[in-house]
Amino acid sequence: ARYVEAIVGNVRIASIYLPNGNPIDTEKFTYKLAWLDRLISHVRTLLTYEETLVLGGDYNVCPTDDDVYDPDGFAGDALCHPETRTRFRTLCYLGLTDALRAQHPQFGLYTFWDYQAGCWNKDQGLRIDHLMLSPQAADRLVASGVDTGPRGKEKPSDHTPVWCELKDD
């Protein structure tokens, strides 16, 4: 239920829903880290295929302090924990490209806003949804972004879609 993978045309696409991991002093955090380790191992295998690969979804990871509106307030959270971030960087070091950051390096690009305390209206968000691209997919990247439109609707999800466009192969 947390990982599904399909080949659509000439693109391998995986949908990821990584565990949240909170609170960090419980088995939930240990499970999150182990899940990330298994994902890293699987991605190593996928990259040997040398194909266009897009790994997208809710990673429940804020890769850097630029991806959270209040870095100090989230310092003890599993989303921003150093061990979580280290494993996310390991994915990047395998050769994956963060589609959003490749084209939008600015601070304040968020994909999630808590329902509480008016976070949406105050733009107090987190960037925890990512599209990670293999080198073959990164070479085809034309555009990427966050569609905030759905988040502003009545009874929305607390997440909003992340998208990327790849040129034809």
N, C-alpha and C. Protein backbone atom coordinates (compact mmCIF):
# COMPACT_ATOMS: atom_id res chain seq x y z
N ALA A 1 0.82 -1.20 0.00
CA ALA A 1 0.00 0.00 0.00
C ALA A 1 0.86 1.26 0.00
N ARG A 2 2.15 1.14 0.33
CA ARG A 2 3.01 2.31 0.40
C ARG A 2 3.86 2.51 -0.85
N TYR A 3 3.87 1.54 -1.75
CA TYR A 3 4.69 1.63 -2.96
C TYR A 3 4.00 0.85 -4.07
N VAL A 4 3.79 1.53 -5.19
CA VAL A 4 3.24 0.85 -6.36
C VAL A 4 4.04 1.36 -7.56
N GLU A 5 4.31 0.44 -8.48
CA GLU A 5 5.19 0.78 -9.61
C GLU A 5 4.56 0.24 -10.88
N ALA A 6 4.66 1.03 -11.96
CA ALA A 6 4.12 0.62 -13.25
C ALA A 6 4.97 1.22 -14.36
N ILE A 7 4.89 0.60 -15.51
CA ILE A 7 5.53 1.16 -16.70
C ILE A 7 4.41 1.69 -17.58
N VAL A 8 4.52 2.97 -17.89
CA VAL A 8 3.55 3.64 -18.75
C VAL A 8 4.31 4.16 -19.96
N GLY A 9 4.03 3.56 -21.12
CA GLY A 9 4.81 3.91 -22.31
C GLY A 9 6.25 3.50 -22.08
N ASN A 10 7.15 4.48 -22.12
CA ASN A 10 8.57 4.18 -21.89
C ASN A 10 9.07 4.80 -20.58
N VAL A 11 8.17 5.00 -19.64
CA VAL A 11 8.52 5.59 -18.34
C VAL A 11 8.09 4.64 -17.21
N ARG A 12 9.02 4.34 -16.34
CA ARG A 12 8.69 3.59 -15.12
C ARG A 12 8.32 4.62 -14.07
N ILE A 13 7.14 4.47 -13.49
CA ILE A 13 6.63 5.42 -12.50
C ILE A 13 6.31 4.66 -11.22
N ALA A 14 6.76 5.22 -10.10
CA ALA A 14 6.44 4.64 -8.80
C ALA A 14 5.74 5.71 -7.96
N SER A 15 4.73 5.28 -7.25
CA SER A 15 4.03 6.13 -6.31
C SER A 15 4.43 5.69 -4.90
N ILE A 16 4.89 6.66 -4.12
CA ILE A 16 5.45 6.37 -2.80
C ILE A 16 4.65 7.08 -1.72
N TYR A 17 4.37 6.36 -0.65
CA TYR A 17 3.79 6.95 0.56
C TYR A 17 4.63 6.48 1.73
N LEU A 18 5.64 7.25 2.03
CA LEU A 18 6.59 6.90 3.08
C LEU A 18 5.98 7.11 4.45
N PRO A 19 6.28 6.27 5.42
CA PRO A 19 5.74 6.46 6.77
C PRO A 19 6.14 7.82 7.36
N ASN A 20 5.27 8.38 8.17
CA ASN A 20 5.52 9.66 8.82
C ASN A 20 6.66 9.56 9.82
N GLY A 21 6.63 8.57 10.68
CA GLY A 21 7.73 8.34 11.62
C GLY A 21 7.63 9.01 12.97
N ASN A 22 6.59 9.75 13.22
CA ASN A 22 6.45 10.43 14.52
C ASN A 22 5.63 9.58 15.48
N PRO A 23 5.96 9.69 16.75
CA PRO A 23 7.07 10.42 17.36
C PRO A 23 8.39 9.65 17.21
N ILE A 24 9.50 10.41 17.24
CA ILE A 24 10.79 9.81 16.93
C ILE A 24 11.31 8.87 18.01
N ASP A 25 10.75 8.94 19.19
CA ASP A 25 11.21 8.04 20.27
C ASP A 25 10.38 6.76 20.34
N THR A 26 9.78 6.38 19.21
CA THR A 26 8.99 5.15 19.15
C THR A 26 9.44 4.29 17.97
N GLU A 27 8.85 3.11 17.88
CA GLU A 27 9.14 2.21 16.77
C GLU A 27 8.70 2.78 15.43
N LYS A 28 7.83 3.79 15.44
CA LYS A 28 7.39 4.41 14.19
C LYS A 28 8.56 5.04 13.44
N PHE A 29 9.47 5.66 14.19
CA PHE A 29 10.63 6.29 13.56
C PHE A 29 11.60 5.23 13.05
N THR A 30 11.81 4.20 13.83
CA THR A 30 12.67 3.10 13.41
C THR A 30 12.12 2.46 12.14
N TYR A 31 10.81 2.28 12.09
CA TYR A 31 10.15 1.72 10.90
C TYR A 31 10.37 2.62 9.69
N LYS A 32 10.23 3.94 9.87
CA LYS A 32 10.43 4.88 8.77
C LYS A 32 11.84 4.75 8.21
N LEU A 33 12.84 4.72 9.10
CA LEU A 33 14.23 4.63 8.65
C LEU A 33 14.49 3.31 7.92
N ALA A 34 13.93 2.22 8.43
CA ALA A 34 14.09 0.92 7.77
C ALA A 34 13.41 0.93 6.40
N TRP A 35 12.25 1.58 6.31
CA TRP A 35 11.53 1.69 5.05
C TRP A 35 12.37 2.46 4.03
N LEU A 36 12.97 3.55 4.49
CA LEU A 36 13.85 4.32 3.61
C LEU A 36 15.04 3.49 3.15
N ASP A 37 15.61 2.70 4.04
CA ASP A 37 16.73 1.84 3.67
C ASP A 37 16.32 0.84 2.58
N ARG A 38 15.13 0.27 2.70
CA ARG A 38 14.63 -0.67 1.68
C ARG A 38 14.40 0.06 0.36
N LEU A 39 13.88 1.30 0.43
CA LEU A 39 13.66 2.09 -0.79
C LEU A 39 15.00 2.37 -1.47
N ILE A 40 16.01 2.75 -0.71
CA ILE A 40 17.33 3.02 -1.27
C ILE A 40 17.86 1.78 -1.99
N SER A 41 17.73 0.63 -1.37
CA SER A 41 18.18 -0.61 -1.98
C SER A 41 17.43 -0.89 -3.28
N HIS A 42 16.12 -0.69 -3.26
CA HIS A 42 15.31 -0.93 -4.46
C HIS A 42 15.68 0.05 -5.57
N VAL A 43 15.90 1.30 -5.22
CA VAL A 43 16.25 2.30 -6.23
C VAL A 43 17.61 1.97 -6.85
N ARG A 44 18.54 1.49 -6.06
CA ARG A 44 19.84 1.06 -6.62
C ARG A 44 19.61 0.04 -7.74
N THR A 45 18.72 -0.91 -7.50
CA THR A 45 18.40 -1.91 -8.52
C THR A 45 17.74 -1.27 -9.72
N LEU A 46 16.74 -0.41 -9.48
CA LEU A 46 16.03 0.23 -10.59
C LEU A 46 16.97 1.04 -11.48
N LEU A 47 17.93 1.71 -10.89
CA LEU A 47 18.84 2.54 -11.67
C LEU A 47 19.75 1.71 -12.59
N THR A 48 19.94 0.44 -12.28
CA THR A 48 20.74 -0.41 -13.17
C THR A 48 20.03 -0.66 -14.50
N TYR A 49 18.72 -0.43 -14.55
CA TYR A 49 17.97 -0.62 -15.79
C TYR A 49 18.22 0.51 -16.79
N GLU A 50 18.77 1.63 -16.30
CA GLU A 50 19.08 2.79 -17.14
C GLU A 50 17.88 3.21 -17.99
N GLU A 51 16.76 3.42 -17.32
CA GLU A 51 15.55 3.83 -18.01
C GLU A 51 14.99 5.09 -17.37
N THR A 52 14.01 5.68 -18.02
CA THR A 52 13.34 6.85 -17.49
C THR A 52 12.49 6.42 -16.31
N LEU A 53 12.82 6.96 -15.15
CA LEU A 53 12.18 6.57 -13.89
C LEU A 53 11.76 7.81 -13.13
N VAL A 54 10.51 7.82 -12.67
CA VAL A 54 9.97 8.90 -11.84
C VAL A 54 9.44 8.27 -10.55
N LEU A 55 10.02 8.67 -9.42
CA LEU A 55 9.59 8.20 -8.11
C LEU A 55 8.88 9.36 -7.43
N GLY A 56 7.56 9.33 -7.40
CA GLY A 56 6.81 10.46 -6.88
C GLY A 56 5.93 10.09 -5.72
N GLY A 57 5.65 11.07 -4.88
CA GLY A 57 4.70 10.84 -3.81
C GLY A 57 5.03 11.59 -2.54
N ASP A 58 4.38 11.14 -1.49
CA ASP A 58 4.52 11.72 -0.16
C ASP A 58 5.67 11.01 0.54
N TYR A 59 6.82 11.65 0.54
CA TYR A 59 8.01 11.08 1.17
C TYR A 59 8.04 11.36 2.67
N ASN A 60 7.21 12.28 3.13
CA ASN A 60 7.24 12.68 4.55
C ASN A 60 8.66 13.06 4.96
N VAL A 61 9.33 13.81 4.09
CA VAL A 61 10.69 14.30 4.34
C VAL A 61 10.77 15.74 3.87
N CYS A 62 11.25 16.62 4.74
CA CYS A 62 11.64 17.98 4.38
C CYS A 62 13.15 17.92 4.19
N PRO A 63 13.64 17.88 2.96
CA PRO A 63 15.07 17.65 2.74
C PRO A 63 16.00 18.68 3.38
N THR A 64 15.57 19.93 3.45
CA THR A 64 16.41 20.98 4.04
C THR A 64 15.52 21.93 4.84
N ASP A 65 16.15 22.83 5.55
CA ASP A 65 15.39 23.85 6.29
C ASP A 65 14.61 24.77 5.35
N ASP A 66 15.02 24.87 4.10
CA ASP A 66 14.27 25.69 3.12
C ASP A 66 12.93 25.07 2.77
N ASP A 67 12.70 23.84 3.19
CA ASP A 67 11.47 23.12 2.85
C ASP A 67 10.45 23.11 3.99
N VAL A 68 10.66 23.95 5.00
CA VAL A 68 9.75 24.01 6.15
C VAL A 68 9.66 25.47 6.61
N TYR A 69 8.46 25.91 6.89
CA TYR A 69 8.27 27.32 7.25
C TYR A 69 8.91 27.68 8.59
N ASP A 70 9.06 26.71 9.50
CA ASP A 70 9.62 26.97 10.83
C ASP A 70 10.64 25.88 11.16
N PRO A 71 11.88 26.02 10.65
CA PRO A 71 12.88 24.98 10.88
C PRO A 71 13.13 24.68 12.35
N ASP A 72 13.16 25.69 13.20
CA ASP A 72 13.40 25.46 14.63
C ASP A 72 12.24 24.68 15.25
N GLY A 73 11.02 25.02 14.88
CA GLY A 73 9.85 24.34 15.42
C GLY A 73 9.74 22.89 15.00
N PHE A 74 10.35 22.54 13.86
CA PHE A 74 10.27 21.17 13.35
C PHE A 74 11.57 20.38 13.55
N ALA A 75 12.51 20.95 14.27
CA ALA A 75 13.83 20.31 14.43
C ALA A 75 13.73 18.91 15.03
N GLY A 76 12.78 18.65 15.93
CA GLY A 76 12.64 17.34 16.54
C GLY A 76 11.63 16.44 15.86
N ASP A 77 11.12 16.86 14.72
CA ASP A 77 10.10 16.10 14.00
C ASP A 77 10.76 15.09 13.06
N ALA A 78 10.13 13.94 12.87
CA ALA A 78 10.67 12.90 12.00
C ALA A 78 10.84 13.38 10.56
N LEU A 79 10.04 14.36 10.14
CA LEU A 79 10.13 14.87 8.77
C LEU A 79 11.44 15.60 8.52
N CYS A 80 12.02 16.18 9.58
CA CYS A 80 13.22 16.99 9.46
C CYS A 80 14.41 16.41 10.22
N HIS A 81 14.25 15.26 10.78
CA HIS A 81 15.29 14.66 11.60
C HIS A 81 16.55 14.41 10.76
N PRO A 82 17.74 14.62 11.32
CA PRO A 82 18.97 14.40 10.57
C PRO A 82 19.08 13.01 9.94
N GLU A 83 18.62 11.97 10.62
CA GLU A 83 18.69 10.62 10.04
C GLU A 83 17.77 10.48 8.83
N THR A 84 16.61 11.12 8.89
CA THR A 84 15.69 11.11 7.75
C THR A 84 16.31 11.84 6.58
N ARG A 85 16.86 13.02 6.85
CA ARG A 85 17.46 13.82 5.78
C ARG A 85 18.68 13.12 5.18
N THR A 86 19.45 12.44 6.00
CA THR A 86 20.62 11.71 5.49
C THR A 86 20.18 10.64 4.50
N ARG A 87 19.14 9.93 4.82
CA ARG A 87 18.67 8.88 3.91
C ARG A 87 18.10 9.48 2.62
N PHE A 88 17.42 10.61 2.71
CA PHE A 88 16.92 11.27 1.51
C PHE A 88 18.10 11.70 0.63
N ARG A 89 19.14 12.26 1.24
CA ARG A 89 20.34 12.64 0.48
C ARG A 89 20.97 11.41 -0.17
N THR A 90 20.93 10.29 0.51
CA THR A 90 21.47 9.06 -0.08
C THR A 90 20.74 8.74 -1.38
N LEU A 91 19.42 8.91 -1.40
CA LEU A 91 18.68 8.72 -2.65
C LEU A 91 19.20 9.67 -3.73
N CYS A 92 19.40 10.92 -3.37
CA CYS A 92 19.91 11.89 -4.34
C CYS A 92 21.30 11.49 -4.83
N TYR A 93 22.16 11.05 -3.92
CA TYR A 93 23.53 10.67 -4.27
C TYR A 93 23.58 9.44 -5.17
N LEU A 94 22.51 8.66 -5.21
CA LEU A 94 22.45 7.54 -6.14
C LEU A 94 22.35 8.03 -7.58
N GLY A 95 21.99 9.30 -7.75
CA GLY A 95 21.87 9.87 -9.08
C GLY A 95 20.49 10.42 -9.39
N LEU A 96 19.63 10.48 -8.38
CA LEU A 96 18.28 11.02 -8.59
C LEU A 96 18.29 12.54 -8.52
N THR A 97 17.41 13.15 -9.30
CA THR A 97 17.24 14.60 -9.32
C THR A 97 15.87 14.95 -8.77
N ASP A 98 15.83 15.91 -7.88
CA ASP A 98 14.58 16.44 -7.33
C ASP A 98 14.00 17.40 -8.38
N ALA A 99 12.92 16.98 -9.04
CA ALA A 99 12.36 17.74 -10.17
C ALA A 99 12.00 19.17 -9.78
N LEU A 100 11.42 19.36 -8.60
CA LEU A 100 11.04 20.72 -8.20
C LEU A 100 12.25 21.60 -7.95
N ARG A 101 13.20 21.10 -7.18
CA ARG A 101 14.39 21.90 -6.85
C ARG A 101 15.24 22.18 -8.08
N ALA A 102 15.22 21.28 -9.06
CA ALA A 102 16.00 21.49 -10.27
C ALA A 102 15.55 22.76 -11.00
N GLN A 103 14.28 23.09 -10.88
CA GLN A 103 13.75 24.25 -11.59
C GLN A 103 13.28 25.37 -10.68
N HIS A 104 13.11 25.09 -9.41
CA HIS A 104 12.59 26.08 -8.46
C HIS A 104 13.41 26.05 -7.17
N PRO A 105 14.56 26.69 -7.15
CA PRO A 105 15.41 26.62 -5.96
C PRO A 105 14.98 27.54 -4.81
N GLN A 106 13.94 28.32 -5.01
CA GLN A 106 13.57 29.32 -4.01
C GLN A 106 12.97 28.71 -2.74
N PHE A 107 13.13 29.44 -1.66
CA PHE A 107 12.55 29.11 -0.36
C PHE A 107 11.04 29.29 -0.43
N GLY A 108 10.30 28.49 0.33
CA GLY A 108 8.86 28.68 0.46
C GLY A 108 8.02 27.97 -0.57
N LEU A 109 8.56 26.97 -1.21
CA LEU A 109 7.80 26.15 -2.15
C LEU A 109 7.28 24.96 -1.36
N TYR A 110 5.98 24.95 -1.05
CA TYR A 110 5.41 23.94 -0.16
C TYR A 110 4.39 23.07 -0.88
N THR A 111 4.18 21.88 -0.32
CA THR A 111 3.21 20.92 -0.88
C THR A 111 2.20 20.45 0.15
N PHE A 112 2.37 20.88 1.39
CA PHE A 112 1.53 20.43 2.50
C PHE A 112 1.32 21.59 3.47
N TRP A 113 0.07 21.76 3.91
CA TRP A 113 -0.27 22.75 4.93
C TRP A 113 -1.21 22.08 5.91
N ASP A 114 -0.85 22.08 7.18
CA ASP A 114 -1.69 21.49 8.22
C ASP A 114 -3.04 22.19 8.22
N TYR A 115 -4.06 21.44 8.61
CA TYR A 115 -5.41 22.01 8.70
C TYR A 115 -5.55 22.97 9.88
N GLN A 116 -4.68 22.86 10.86
CA GLN A 116 -4.83 23.62 12.11
C GLN A 116 -4.20 25.01 12.01
N ALA A 117 -4.70 25.91 12.83
CA ALA A 117 -4.13 27.24 13.06
C ALA A 117 -4.00 28.08 11.80
N GLY A 118 -4.82 27.83 10.80
CA GLY A 118 -4.79 28.66 9.60
C GLY A 118 -3.50 28.57 8.81
N CYS A 119 -2.85 27.43 8.84
CA CYS A 119 -1.56 27.28 8.17
C CYS A 119 -1.63 27.60 6.67
N TRP A 120 -2.70 27.19 6.02
CA TRP A 120 -2.85 27.45 4.58
C TRP A 120 -2.88 28.96 4.33
N ASN A 121 -3.72 29.68 5.05
CA ASN A 121 -3.85 31.13 4.84
C ASN A 121 -2.57 31.89 5.20
N LYS A 122 -1.79 31.35 6.12
CA LYS A 122 -0.53 31.98 6.53
C LYS A 122 0.66 31.49 5.72
N ASP A 123 0.42 30.56 4.80
CA ASP A 123 1.47 29.91 4.01
C ASP A 123 2.54 29.30 4.91
N GLN A 124 2.08 28.63 5.95
CA GLN A 124 2.99 27.92 6.86
C GLN A 124 2.99 26.45 6.44
N GLY A 125 3.79 26.17 5.43
CA GLY A 125 3.76 24.84 4.84
C GLY A 125 5.06 24.07 4.96
N LEU A 126 5.01 22.90 4.36
CA LEU A 126 6.14 21.98 4.30
C LEU A 126 6.24 21.45 2.87
N ARG A 127 7.44 21.14 2.44
CA ARG A 127 7.61 20.46 1.16
C ARG A 127 8.01 19.02 1.49
N ILE A 128 7.00 18.14 1.45
CA ILE A 128 7.22 16.73 1.78
C ILE A 128 6.84 15.79 0.63
N ASP A 129 6.31 16.36 -0.44
CA ASP A 129 5.93 15.58 -1.62
C ASP A 129 6.96 15.86 -2.70
N HIS A 130 7.49 14.79 -3.30
CA HIS A 130 8.62 14.96 -4.21
C HIS A 130 8.47 14.10 -5.45
N LEU A 131 9.07 14.57 -6.52
CA LEU A 131 9.23 13.80 -7.75
C LEU A 131 10.73 13.65 -7.97
N MET A 132 11.22 12.44 -7.77
CA MET A 132 12.65 12.15 -7.92
C MET A 132 12.86 11.46 -9.26
N LEU A 133 13.82 11.94 -10.03
CA LEU A 133 14.01 11.50 -11.40
C LEU A 133 15.35 10.80 -11.59
N SER A 134 15.32 9.71 -12.34
CA SER A 134 16.57 9.06 -12.75
C SER A 134 17.29 10.02 -13.70
N PRO A 135 18.58 9.78 -13.97
CA PRO A 135 19.28 10.64 -14.92
C PRO A 135 18.58 10.71 -16.29
N GLN A 136 18.02 9.60 -16.73
CA GLN A 136 17.33 9.58 -18.02
C GLN A 136 16.07 10.45 -17.98
N ALA A 137 15.37 10.46 -16.86
CA ALA A 137 14.18 11.31 -16.71
C ALA A 137 14.60 12.77 -16.55
N ALA A 138 15.66 13.02 -15.78
CA ALA A 138 16.12 14.40 -15.57
C ALA A 138 16.53 15.03 -16.90
N ASP A 139 17.12 14.24 -17.79
CA ASP A 139 17.50 14.76 -19.11
C ASP A 139 16.28 15.17 -19.93
N ARG A 140 15.13 14.62 -19.61
CA ARG A 140 13.89 14.92 -20.35
C ARG A 140 13.01 15.95 -19.66
N LEU A 141 13.44 16.45 -18.48
CA LEU A 141 12.61 17.37 -17.70
C LEU A 141 12.43 18.69 -18.44
N VAL A 142 11.16 19.05 -18.65
CA VAL A 142 10.80 20.30 -19.32
C VAL A 142 10.29 21.31 -18.30
N ALA A 143 9.45 20.85 -17.40
CA ALA A 143 8.83 21.76 -16.43
C ALA A 143 8.42 20.97 -15.20
N SER A 144 8.27 21.70 -14.09
CA SER A 144 7.77 21.09 -12.86
C SER A 144 7.13 22.17 -12.02
N GLY A 145 6.30 21.76 -11.09
CA GLY A 145 5.66 22.75 -10.23
C GLY A 145 4.77 22.12 -9.18
N VAL A 146 4.15 23.00 -8.43
CA VAL A 146 3.19 22.62 -7.40
C VAL A 146 1.87 23.27 -7.79
N ASP A 147 0.82 22.48 -7.88
CA ASP A 147 -0.51 22.99 -8.21
C ASP A 147 -1.25 23.27 -6.90
N THR A 148 -1.24 24.52 -6.47
CA THR A 148 -1.89 24.87 -5.20
C THR A 148 -3.40 25.05 -5.34
N GLY A 149 -3.91 25.04 -6.55
CA GLY A 149 -5.34 25.24 -6.76
C GLY A 149 -6.23 24.33 -5.94
N PRO A 150 -6.00 23.02 -5.95
CA PRO A 150 -6.86 22.12 -5.18
C PRO A 150 -6.83 22.38 -3.67
N ARG A 151 -5.73 22.88 -3.15
CA ARG A 151 -5.63 23.11 -1.70
C ARG A 151 -6.53 24.25 -1.25
N GLY A 152 -6.83 25.17 -2.15
CA GLY A 152 -7.67 26.31 -1.80
C GLY A 152 -9.16 26.04 -1.92
N LYS A 153 -9.54 24.83 -2.32
CA LYS A 153 -10.96 24.51 -2.48
C LYS A 153 -11.59 24.12 -1.15
N GLU A 154 -12.91 24.02 -1.16
CA GLU A 154 -13.63 23.61 0.04
C GLU A 154 -13.35 22.13 0.32
N LYS A 155 -13.04 21.79 1.57
CA LYS A 155 -12.73 20.43 2.03
C LYS A 155 -11.59 19.79 1.22
N PRO A 156 -10.44 20.48 1.13
CA PRO A 156 -9.33 19.94 0.36
C PRO A 156 -8.49 18.95 1.15
N SER A 157 -7.62 18.27 0.46
CA SER A 157 -6.57 17.49 1.11
C SER A 157 -5.58 18.48 1.74
N ASP A 158 -4.82 18.03 2.72
CA ASP A 158 -3.78 18.89 3.28
C ASP A 158 -2.54 18.91 2.38
N HIS A 159 -2.49 18.02 1.39
CA HIS A 159 -1.44 18.02 0.37
C HIS A 159 -1.98 18.62 -0.91
N THR A 160 -1.08 19.05 -1.78
CA THR A 160 -1.49 19.53 -3.09
C THR A 160 -0.59 18.89 -4.14
N PRO A 161 -1.05 18.74 -5.37
CA PRO A 161 -0.28 17.99 -6.36
C PRO A 161 1.05 18.63 -6.75
N VAL A 162 2.02 17.77 -6.92
CA VAL A 162 3.31 18.11 -7.49
C VAL A 162 3.31 17.50 -8.89
N TRP A 163 3.86 18.20 -9.86
CA TRP A 163 3.83 17.69 -11.22
C TRP A 163 5.16 17.95 -11.93
N CYS A 164 5.41 17.16 -12.96
CA CYS A 164 6.52 17.45 -13.86
C CYS A 164 6.13 17.01 -15.26
N GLU A 165 6.76 17.66 -16.21
CA GLU A 165 6.56 17.34 -17.64
C GLU A 165 7.89 16.88 -18.19
N LEU A 166 7.85 15.75 -18.89
CA LEU A 166 9.04 15.22 -19.53
C LEU A 166 8.85 15.30 -21.05
N LYS A 167 9.89 15.73 -21.77
CA LYS A 167 9.77 15.76 -23.23
C LYS A 167 9.77 14.34 -23.77
N ASP A 168 9.18 14.19 -24.95
CA ASP A 168 9.14 12.88 -25.59
C ASP A 168 10.54 12.36 -25.82
N ASP A 169 10.67 11.07 -25.71
CA ASP A 169 11.96 10.42 -25.89
C ASP A 169 12.28 10.23 -27.35
